[in-house]
Amino acid sequence: MDRAESFIERSRSMTSKHDSSSATTFNAPKGTTSSTQAGALSRWLASRLLAATGQPAIRIRLWDGTEVGNPKSAIATLHVHNRATLFKLITRPDINFGEAYMSGNTDVEGDLVNFVEAVYRSMNTLPSGGLQGLSQRLRGGRRNNSLSGSRSNIHHHYDIGNDFYKLWLDTAAMQYTCAYFPTREATLEQAQIAKLDHVCRKLRLQPGETVVEAGSGWGGLSRHMASQYGVKVRAYNISHEQVMFARERAKAEGLDGRVEYVEDDYRTIDGKYDAFVSVGMLEHVGPEYYPELGGVIDRALTERGRGLIHTIGRNRPAPMNAWIEKRIFPGACPPALSEMMNIFEHHPFSVLDLENLRLHYAETLRHWMNRFEAHHDDIRAEFDEPFIRAWRLYLAGSIAAFTTGELQLFQVVFNRNINNEVPWTREHLYSNPSGA
């Protein structure tokens, strides 16, 4: 029982700030058997886990069938299949829940998105420095986003095969970023094209202008800018698979003379451009590199240049979820707006417009998850079950993060501070929905 007692002490330290009952020690009744003691200890640890996460509206079912939690208010049940997994959930829930779900050592009975939402909402009621704070102190640092580190991190996520992403992204532009739903009834394809137009109108693109794009994905935005707005685009990306796809698609669409895809890091951008755009890349840059990114933009823009950055963000600085950083997005760190200002404040830029589209991202993710599940058999033919479970949890958890405000989606428009050629109103964003 020495090992078990050490877990109890750790659990008690995690929960004492949140629940006065956590000061109660576990004392098995005299005369009980070791198996009875172990069962009582497991139930106690499960109750501590619920307390440490703010008493979410869920129940925990242990491997022996016993349940902990309020069965009347529970919207989902977490099945924990063995004692070792319960111990891991107590010590490092930030990373071990994802690991346990991925391996099949836990399952969720009920809607997975609702389950994660319940946990996020309850944890939002905890004082600062609670379980989340403890997890952040225990975890290691984010992986490096240097020139070499960024290549490794991007390869981990984006170079797992274009065919995988084709199964569940939109068929029109292969956009792996937040869509913009002009109506509730819009399809994913319509919403992604609407997003591209939304970005282009914010940039006020004019035929004959030049644009540089940092982090081009599969090239959908750059091709849209060239074909629909008459601009010339140079797009930088360090994902080999994406660049090869984008070049082939641009050639097939007759745009290879108007769009150039450069397989290189954003830090190597050269030349002068009328506009800078980055959609879904800033999350991979890292706040420590924001002043350097600002310098790149300053170097690249003309005297009257303007730009747009579209990024997942947060209400206040915090690290990426440890499991997401480990298994899905190594090196990722969604910024707070205060951190983003380090891109602009060291250089002669003015922020013109800020929009938060977090609920649009939740809707985008719902479409992705539905398509992901519809293609389960196709994905299973190429990847194993832990991979599928990891991505299912990532998609469900991301929906919950946006619906509960854990994550935001910022679009920030900026220009040179001496440039007075700015829209008098925001009418231009909505008066030309079909593009140029």
Protein backbone atom coordinates (compact mmCIF):
# COMPACT_ATOMS: atom_id res chain seq x y z
CA MET A 1 0.00 0.00 0.00
CA ASP A 2 3.03 2.35 0.12
CA ARG A 3 2.63 3.28 -3.54
CA ALA A 4 -1.11 3.78 -3.15
CA GLU A 5 -0.61 6.01 -0.12
CA SER A 6 1.79 8.20 -2.12
CA PHE A 7 -0.93 8.70 -4.74
CA ILE A 8 -3.38 9.63 -1.99
CA GLU A 9 -1.03 12.30 -0.72
CA ARG A 10 -0.62 13.76 -4.21
CA SER A 11 -4.37 13.67 -4.77
CA ARG A 12 -4.96 15.41 -1.45
CA SER A 13 -2.53 18.21 -2.37
CA MET A 14 -4.31 18.72 -5.71
CA THR A 15 -7.79 18.92 -4.29
CA SER A 16 -7.35 20.66 -0.95
CA LYS A 17 -7.74 24.12 -2.51
CA HIS A 18 -11.00 23.26 -4.22
CA ASP A 19 -13.00 21.10 -1.81
CA SER A 20 -12.98 21.29 1.97
CA SER A 21 -13.80 17.59 2.13
CA SER A 22 -10.41 16.82 0.58
CA ALA A 23 -8.86 17.14 4.03
CA THR A 24 -10.55 13.88 4.92
CA THR A 25 -8.09 11.03 5.01
CA PHE A 26 -8.82 7.57 3.75
CA ASN A 27 -9.13 5.06 6.61
CA ALA A 28 -10.25 1.58 5.76
CA PRO A 29 -12.54 -0.02 8.38
CA LYS A 30 -10.87 -2.52 10.70
CA GLY A 31 -11.23 -6.14 9.68
CA THR A 32 -11.71 -5.43 5.98
CA THR A 33 -9.88 -7.55 3.44
CA SER A 34 -7.18 -6.20 1.17
CA SER A 35 -9.49 -6.47 -1.86
CA THR A 36 -12.19 -4.53 -0.02
CA GLN A 37 -9.64 -1.92 1.00
CA ALA A 38 -8.42 -1.64 -2.59
CA GLY A 39 -11.99 -1.16 -3.83
CA ALA A 40 -12.68 1.52 -1.23
CA LEU A 41 -9.41 3.23 -2.09
CA SER A 42 -10.26 3.21 -5.82
CA ARG A 43 -13.67 4.76 -5.18
CA TRP A 44 -12.08 7.39 -2.97
CA LEU A 45 -9.51 8.25 -5.63
CA ALA A 46 -12.26 8.52 -8.25
CA SER A 47 -14.18 10.92 -6.00
CA ARG A 48 -11.00 12.97 -5.55
CA LEU A 49 -10.59 13.12 -9.32
CA LEU A 50 -14.10 14.52 -9.68
CA ALA A 51 -13.49 17.04 -6.91
CA ALA A 52 -10.17 18.11 -8.41
CA THR A 53 -11.86 18.84 -11.74
CA GLY A 54 -14.63 20.93 -10.18
CA GLN A 55 -17.31 18.22 -9.87
CA PRO A 56 -18.30 18.02 -13.55
CA ALA A 57 -21.70 16.57 -14.44
CA ILE A 58 -20.28 13.14 -15.20
CA ARG A 59 -19.91 9.83 -13.38
CA ILE A 60 -16.93 7.51 -13.24
CA ARG A 61 -17.47 3.76 -13.63
CA LEU A 62 -14.60 1.62 -12.40
CA TRP A 63 -13.39 -1.72 -13.74
CA ASP A 64 -15.42 -3.63 -11.15
CA GLY A 65 -18.69 -1.92 -12.16
CA THR A 66 -18.94 0.45 -9.20
CA GLU A 67 -19.78 4.07 -9.97
CA VAL A 68 -18.78 7.38 -8.42
CA GLY A 69 -20.61 10.63 -9.04
CA ASN A 70 -24.19 11.84 -9.14
CA PRO A 71 -26.15 9.51 -11.45
CA LYS A 72 -29.05 11.97 -11.73
CA SER A 73 -27.05 14.93 -13.07
CA ALA A 74 -24.48 12.99 -15.10
CA ILE A 75 -24.57 13.62 -18.84
CA ALA A 76 -21.88 11.02 -19.60
CA THR A 77 -19.92 8.23 -17.94
CA LEU A 78 -16.17 7.80 -17.95
CA HIS A 79 -15.23 4.11 -17.89
CA VAL A 80 -11.85 3.50 -16.25
CA HIS A 81 -10.76 -0.03 -17.09
CA ASN A 82 -7.98 -0.61 -14.55
CA ARG A 83 -6.46 0.73 -11.34
CA ALA A 84 -3.20 1.83 -12.95
CA THR A 85 -5.11 4.16 -15.28
CA LEU A 86 -6.98 5.71 -12.36
CA PHE A 87 -3.69 6.44 -10.61
CA LYS A 88 -2.36 8.09 -13.78
CA LEU A 89 -5.49 10.22 -14.13
CA ILE A 90 -5.02 11.47 -10.58
CA THR A 91 -1.37 12.41 -11.07
CA ARG A 92 -1.31 13.92 -14.58
CA PRO A 93 -4.85 14.33 -15.94
CA ASP A 94 -3.72 16.92 -18.49
CA ILE A 95 -1.78 14.33 -20.44
CA ASN A 96 -2.89 10.95 -19.10
CA PHE A 97 -6.57 11.27 -19.97
CA GLY A 98 -5.65 11.59 -23.63
CA GLU A 99 -3.17 8.73 -23.37
CA ALA A 100 -5.71 6.49 -21.65
CA TYR A 101 -8.48 7.26 -24.15
CA MET A 102 -6.11 6.75 -27.06
CA SER A 103 -4.99 3.33 -25.77
CA GLY A 104 -8.51 2.18 -24.86
CA ASN A 105 -7.85 2.18 -21.10
CA THR A 106 -10.77 4.58 -20.77
CA ASP A 107 -13.99 4.97 -22.72
CA VAL A 108 -16.76 7.55 -22.64
CA GLU A 109 -20.38 6.43 -22.58
CA GLY A 110 -22.44 9.28 -23.99
CA ASP A 111 -21.57 12.13 -26.34
CA LEU A 112 -17.82 12.75 -26.27
CA VAL A 113 -18.15 16.46 -27.01
CA ASN A 114 -20.68 16.93 -24.19
CA PHE A 115 -18.36 15.04 -21.86
CA VAL A 116 -15.39 17.32 -22.57
CA GLU A 117 -17.59 20.42 -22.39
CA ALA A 118 -18.78 19.38 -18.93
CA VAL A 119 -15.20 19.00 -17.73
CA TYR A 120 -14.11 22.35 -19.21
CA ARG A 121 -17.07 24.17 -17.68
CA SER A 122 -16.49 22.73 -14.23
CA MET A 123 -12.76 23.42 -14.36
CA ASN A 124 -13.51 27.04 -15.26
CA THR A 125 -15.07 27.39 -11.80
CA LEU A 126 -11.85 26.43 -10.04
CA PRO A 127 -9.55 29.08 -8.54
CA SER A 128 -6.49 30.11 -10.50
CA GLY A 129 -3.61 27.76 -9.83
CA GLY A 130 -5.82 24.73 -9.22
CA LEU A 131 -5.53 21.42 -11.03
CA GLN A 132 -4.70 23.15 -14.31
CA GLY A 133 -1.99 25.16 -12.64
CA LEU A 134 -0.53 22.03 -11.06
CA SER A 135 -0.54 20.22 -14.40
CA GLN A 136 1.26 23.13 -16.03
CA ARG A 137 3.94 23.07 -13.36
CA LEU A 138 4.45 19.34 -13.77
CA ARG A 139 4.62 19.28 -17.54
CA GLY A 140 7.74 19.79 -19.62
CA GLY A 141 8.36 22.70 -21.95
CA ARG A 142 6.87 23.17 -25.40
CA ARG A 143 8.94 21.79 -28.23
CA ASN A 144 11.20 24.29 -29.95
CA ASN A 145 10.04 26.30 -32.96
CA SER A 146 13.47 27.17 -34.27
CA LEU A 147 14.17 26.69 -37.97
CA SER A 148 14.99 22.99 -37.51
CA GLY A 149 12.46 22.45 -34.72
CA SER A 150 9.61 23.91 -36.76
CA ARG A 151 10.29 21.54 -39.65
CA SER A 152 10.14 18.54 -37.33
CA ASN A 153 6.96 19.77 -35.63
CA ILE A 154 5.14 20.49 -38.90
CA HIS A 155 6.22 17.17 -40.41
CA HIS A 156 4.70 15.37 -37.39
CA HIS A 157 1.22 16.76 -38.12
CA TYR A 158 0.91 17.78 -41.76
CA ASP A 159 3.00 15.19 -43.57
CA ILE A 160 1.01 12.13 -42.49
CA GLY A 161 -0.60 11.95 -45.92
CA ASN A 162 -2.80 14.21 -48.03
CA ASP A 163 -5.26 11.36 -48.58
CA PHE A 164 -6.07 11.31 -44.86
CA TYR A 165 -7.06 14.98 -44.84
CA LYS A 166 -8.99 14.69 -48.11
CA LEU A 167 -11.43 12.36 -46.36
CA TRP A 168 -12.81 14.99 -44.01
CA LEU A 169 -11.78 18.49 -45.13
CA ASP A 170 -13.80 20.48 -47.65
CA THR A 171 -13.49 19.33 -51.24
CA ALA A 172 -13.40 22.85 -52.68
CA ALA A 173 -10.19 24.29 -51.22
CA MET A 174 -8.80 21.77 -48.68
CA GLN A 175 -8.93 24.31 -45.86
CA TYR A 176 -7.67 23.07 -42.49
CA THR A 177 -8.64 26.30 -40.73
CA CYS A 178 -11.80 27.92 -39.38
CA ALA A 179 -14.55 28.40 -41.96
CA TYR A 180 -16.92 31.37 -42.05
CA PHE A 181 -20.62 30.48 -42.06
CA PRO A 182 -22.61 33.36 -43.60
CA THR A 183 -25.78 31.41 -42.75
CA ARG A 184 -26.53 28.54 -40.41
CA GLU A 185 -27.48 26.41 -43.41
CA ALA A 186 -24.21 26.85 -45.31
CA THR A 187 -22.31 23.70 -46.23
CA LEU A 188 -18.69 23.26 -45.23
CA GLU A 189 -17.62 23.91 -48.84
CA GLN A 190 -19.66 27.13 -48.99
CA ALA A 191 -18.36 28.26 -45.61
CA GLN A 192 -14.72 27.71 -46.53
CA ILE A 193 -15.07 29.71 -49.75
CA ALA A 194 -16.86 32.39 -47.72
CA LYS A 195 -13.87 32.43 -45.35
CA LEU A 196 -11.47 32.96 -48.24
CA ASP A 197 -13.57 35.88 -49.48
CA HIS A 198 -13.85 37.26 -45.95
CA VAL A 199 -10.04 37.32 -45.70
CA CYS A 200 -9.58 38.84 -49.16
CA ARG A 201 -12.12 41.61 -48.54
CA LYS A 202 -10.47 42.47 -45.24
CA LEU A 203 -7.17 42.81 -47.13
CA ARG A 204 -8.92 44.96 -49.79
CA LEU A 205 -7.04 43.17 -52.55
CA GLN A 206 -6.87 44.84 -55.96
CA PRO A 207 -5.90 43.33 -59.34
CA GLY A 208 -2.19 43.58 -60.04
CA GLU A 209 -1.11 43.69 -56.39
CA THR A 210 1.39 41.31 -54.81
CA VAL A 211 0.74 39.19 -51.72
CA VAL A 212 3.03 37.08 -49.55
CA GLU A 213 1.48 34.25 -47.54
CA ALA A 214 3.14 32.64 -44.53
CA GLY A 215 1.98 29.08 -43.98
CA SER A 216 -0.08 28.25 -47.06
CA GLY A 217 -1.52 24.82 -46.19
CA TRP A 218 -2.67 23.06 -49.35
CA GLY A 219 -2.69 26.36 -51.20
CA GLY A 220 -6.41 27.09 -51.34
CA LEU A 221 -6.20 30.73 -50.18
CA SER A 222 -3.36 31.66 -52.52
CA ARG A 223 -5.13 30.15 -55.52
CA HIS A 224 -8.37 31.93 -54.54
CA MET A 225 -6.59 35.26 -54.22
CA ALA A 226 -4.98 34.83 -57.63
CA SER A 227 -8.03 33.53 -59.50
CA GLN A 228 -10.74 35.66 -57.92
CA TYR A 229 -8.91 38.89 -57.01
CA GLY A 230 -6.26 39.11 -59.74
CA VAL A 231 -3.22 39.32 -57.48
CA LYS A 232 0.14 37.59 -57.67
CA VAL A 233 1.02 35.44 -54.65
CA ARG A 234 4.20 33.98 -53.18
CA ALA A 235 3.35 31.41 -50.49
CA TYR A 236 5.80 29.93 -47.97
CA ASN A 237 5.30 26.54 -46.32
CA ILE A 238 7.63 23.95 -44.78
CA SER A 239 5.31 20.96 -45.23
CA HIS A 240 6.64 19.07 -48.26
CA GLU A 241 3.41 17.13 -48.79
CA GLN A 242 1.32 20.29 -48.81
CA VAL A 243 3.64 22.16 -51.14
CA MET A 244 3.67 19.33 -53.67
CA PHE A 245 -0.13 19.16 -53.58
CA ALA A 246 -0.47 22.94 -53.95
CA ARG A 247 1.89 23.12 -56.92
CA GLU A 248 0.05 20.34 -58.74
CA ARG A 249 -3.33 21.95 -58.10
CA ALA A 250 -2.12 25.41 -59.21
CA LYS A 251 -0.76 23.94 -62.44
CA ALA A 252 -3.99 22.07 -63.09
CA GLU A 253 -5.97 25.29 -62.59
CA GLY A 254 -3.66 27.30 -64.85
CA LEU A 255 -2.42 29.44 -61.95
CA ASP A 256 1.20 28.34 -61.72
CA GLY A 257 2.24 31.64 -63.35
CA ARG A 258 0.39 33.66 -60.72
CA VAL A 259 1.10 31.62 -57.60
CA GLU A 260 4.55 30.54 -56.44
CA TYR A 261 4.85 27.99 -53.64
CA VAL A 262 8.14 28.18 -51.76
CA GLU A 263 9.07 25.22 -49.57
CA ASP A 264 10.79 27.22 -46.86
CA ASP A 265 10.31 28.83 -43.45
CA TYR A 266 8.50 32.16 -43.03
CA ARG A 267 11.73 33.62 -41.66
CA THR A 268 13.28 33.41 -45.13
CA ILE A 269 10.63 35.61 -46.81
CA ASP A 270 12.23 38.17 -49.12
CA GLY A 271 10.97 40.77 -51.55
CA LYS A 272 8.38 43.54 -51.18
CA TYR A 273 4.61 43.01 -51.20
CA ASP A 274 1.40 45.00 -50.98
CA ALA A 275 -0.15 42.59 -48.50
CA PHE A 276 0.89 39.96 -45.97
CA VAL A 277 -1.45 37.16 -44.91
CA SER A 278 -1.15 34.24 -42.52
CA VAL A 279 -4.06 31.89 -41.85
CA GLY A 280 -3.54 29.15 -39.26
CA MET A 281 0.24 29.46 -38.90
CA LEU A 282 0.76 31.71 -35.87
CA GLU A 283 -0.21 28.86 -33.52
CA HIS A 284 3.02 27.14 -34.64
CA VAL A 285 5.33 30.14 -34.30
CA GLY A 286 5.62 30.49 -30.52
CA PRO A 287 5.36 33.81 -28.62
CA GLU A 288 9.12 34.04 -28.19
CA TYR A 289 9.42 34.45 -31.97
CA TYR A 290 6.68 37.08 -32.41
CA PRO A 291 9.06 40.09 -32.49
CA GLU A 292 11.07 38.26 -35.16
CA LEU A 293 7.89 37.58 -37.16
CA GLY A 294 7.03 41.27 -36.88
CA GLY A 295 10.44 42.06 -38.31
CA VAL A 296 9.82 39.71 -41.24
CA ILE A 297 6.49 41.43 -41.98
CA ASP A 298 8.08 44.88 -41.64
CA ARG A 299 10.79 43.88 -44.08
CA ALA A 300 8.33 42.42 -46.57
CA LEU A 301 5.62 45.09 -46.75
CA THR A 302 5.71 48.16 -48.92
CA GLU A 303 5.38 51.59 -47.34
CA ARG A 304 1.60 51.41 -47.69
CA GLY A 305 1.29 47.68 -47.06
CA ARG A 306 -1.32 45.95 -44.92
CA GLY A 307 -1.84 42.48 -43.52
CA LEU A 308 -4.08 39.93 -41.81
CA ILE A 309 -3.29 37.23 -39.27
CA HIS A 310 -5.88 34.51 -38.59
CA THR A 311 -5.09 32.34 -35.58
CA ILE A 312 -6.47 30.19 -32.81
CA GLY A 313 -6.02 32.11 -29.58
CA ARG A 314 -6.81 32.39 -25.89
CA ASN A 315 -8.29 34.97 -23.56
CA ARG A 316 -5.09 34.97 -21.51
CA PRO A 317 -1.63 33.40 -21.94
CA ALA A 318 -1.51 29.66 -21.27
CA PRO A 319 0.31 26.66 -22.73
CA MET A 320 -1.27 24.21 -25.13
CA ASN A 321 -2.93 21.18 -23.55
CA ALA A 322 -0.04 18.80 -22.81
CA TRP A 323 -1.56 15.82 -24.59
CA ILE A 324 -2.47 17.82 -27.73
CA GLU A 325 1.07 19.18 -27.79
CA LYS A 326 2.51 15.69 -27.45
CA ARG A 327 0.31 13.73 -29.84
CA ILE A 328 -1.24 16.19 -32.31
CA PHE A 329 0.41 19.61 -32.52
CA PRO A 330 4.00 19.57 -31.24
CA GLY A 331 5.32 23.06 -30.64
CA ALA A 332 1.87 24.67 -30.82
CA CYS A 333 0.89 27.60 -28.61
CA PRO A 334 -2.31 29.59 -29.33
CA PRO A 335 -1.62 33.18 -28.26
CA ALA A 336 -3.50 35.68 -26.18
CA LEU A 337 -4.10 39.05 -27.83
CA SER A 338 -1.60 40.59 -25.40
CA GLU A 339 1.05 38.23 -26.77
CA MET A 340 0.09 38.95 -30.38
CA MET A 341 0.80 42.63 -29.84
CA ASN A 342 4.50 41.76 -29.73
CA ILE A 343 4.24 41.25 -33.49
CA PHE A 344 3.08 44.83 -34.05
CA GLU A 345 4.32 47.04 -31.21
CA HIS A 346 8.02 46.74 -32.08
CA HIS A 347 7.35 47.94 -35.63
CA PRO A 348 5.42 50.76 -37.36
CA PHE A 349 2.08 48.96 -37.53
CA SER A 350 -1.45 49.88 -36.48
CA VAL A 351 -4.15 47.31 -35.69
CA LEU A 352 -7.26 48.21 -37.69
CA ASP A 353 -9.75 45.46 -37.06
CA LEU A 354 -10.24 42.47 -34.75
CA GLU A 355 -12.88 39.77 -35.13
CA ASN A 356 -13.44 36.68 -33.01
CA LEU A 357 -14.91 33.70 -34.92
CA ARG A 358 -14.70 31.03 -32.22
CA LEU A 359 -18.25 29.73 -32.73
CA HIS A 360 -17.58 29.48 -36.46
CA TYR A 361 -14.65 27.24 -35.60
CA ALA A 362 -16.81 25.05 -33.39
CA GLU A 363 -19.20 24.62 -36.34
CA THR A 364 -16.29 23.89 -38.69
CA LEU A 365 -15.06 21.19 -36.34
CA ARG A 366 -18.51 19.60 -36.15
CA HIS A 367 -18.46 19.21 -39.92
CA TRP A 368 -14.95 17.75 -39.79
CA MET A 369 -15.82 15.31 -37.05
CA ASN A 370 -18.95 14.10 -38.85
CA ARG A 371 -16.93 13.43 -41.99
CA PHE A 372 -14.13 11.83 -39.99
CA GLU A 373 -16.55 9.38 -38.40
CA ALA A 374 -18.25 8.69 -41.74
CA HIS A 375 -14.86 7.62 -43.14
CA HIS A 376 -13.83 5.50 -40.15
CA ASP A 377 -13.34 2.37 -42.25
CA ASP A 378 -11.22 4.21 -44.84
CA ILE A 379 -9.03 5.70 -42.12
CA ARG A 380 -8.77 2.34 -40.34
CA ALA A 381 -7.38 0.82 -43.54
CA GLU A 382 -4.35 3.12 -43.23
CA PHE A 383 -4.00 3.80 -39.49
CA ASP A 384 -4.42 1.83 -36.28
CA GLU A 385 -7.17 2.24 -33.69
CA PRO A 386 -5.09 4.36 -31.24
CA PHE A 387 -4.51 6.88 -34.04
CA ILE A 388 -8.25 7.03 -34.79
CA ARG A 389 -9.14 7.41 -31.10
CA ALA A 390 -6.52 10.15 -30.69
CA TRP A 391 -7.92 12.17 -33.59
CA ARG A 392 -11.50 11.60 -32.46
CA LEU A 393 -10.62 13.00 -29.05
CA TYR A 394 -8.70 15.89 -30.61
CA LEU A 395 -11.67 16.89 -32.78
CA ALA A 396 -14.23 16.47 -29.99
CA GLY A 397 -12.03 18.28 -27.48
CA SER A 398 -11.47 21.14 -29.92
CA ILE A 399 -15.22 21.60 -30.41
CA ALA A 400 -15.64 21.75 -26.64
CA ALA A 401 -12.74 24.18 -26.27
CA PHE A 402 -14.36 26.66 -28.65
CA THR A 403 -17.92 26.31 -27.32
CA THR A 404 -16.77 26.84 -23.73
CA GLY A 405 -14.40 29.71 -24.50
CA GLU A 406 -11.21 27.79 -23.73
CA LEU A 407 -10.06 28.73 -27.24
CA GLN A 408 -10.79 31.73 -29.47
CA LEU A 409 -10.31 32.41 -33.17
CA PHE A 410 -8.84 35.83 -33.91
CA GLN A 411 -8.60 37.65 -37.22
CA VAL A 412 -6.40 40.72 -36.83
CA VAL A 413 -6.07 43.26 -39.66
CA PHE A 414 -3.21 45.77 -39.57
CA ASN A 415 -1.32 48.22 -41.79
CA ARG A 416 1.52 50.71 -41.76
CA ASN A 417 0.80 53.40 -39.19
CA ILE A 418 1.29 56.14 -41.79
CA ASN A 419 -1.27 54.61 -44.15
CA ASN A 420 -4.56 56.54 -44.05
CA GLU A 421 -6.12 54.51 -46.85
CA VAL A 422 -8.42 52.65 -44.49
CA PRO A 423 -12.13 51.83 -44.85
CA TRP A 424 -14.47 54.43 -43.37
CA THR A 425 -16.92 51.67 -42.36
CA ARG A 426 -16.98 47.87 -42.35
CA GLU A 427 -19.45 47.73 -45.25
CA HIS A 428 -16.80 46.32 -47.60
CA LEU A 429 -16.71 43.10 -45.60
CA TYR A 430 -20.30 42.19 -46.45
CA SER A 431 -21.28 44.01 -49.64
CA ASN A 432 -19.37 41.81 -52.09
CA PRO A 433 -19.97 38.19 -51.01
CA SER A 434 -19.00 36.70 -54.37
CA GLY A 435 -15.48 38.11 -54.41
CA ALA A 436 -13.89 40.45 -56.96
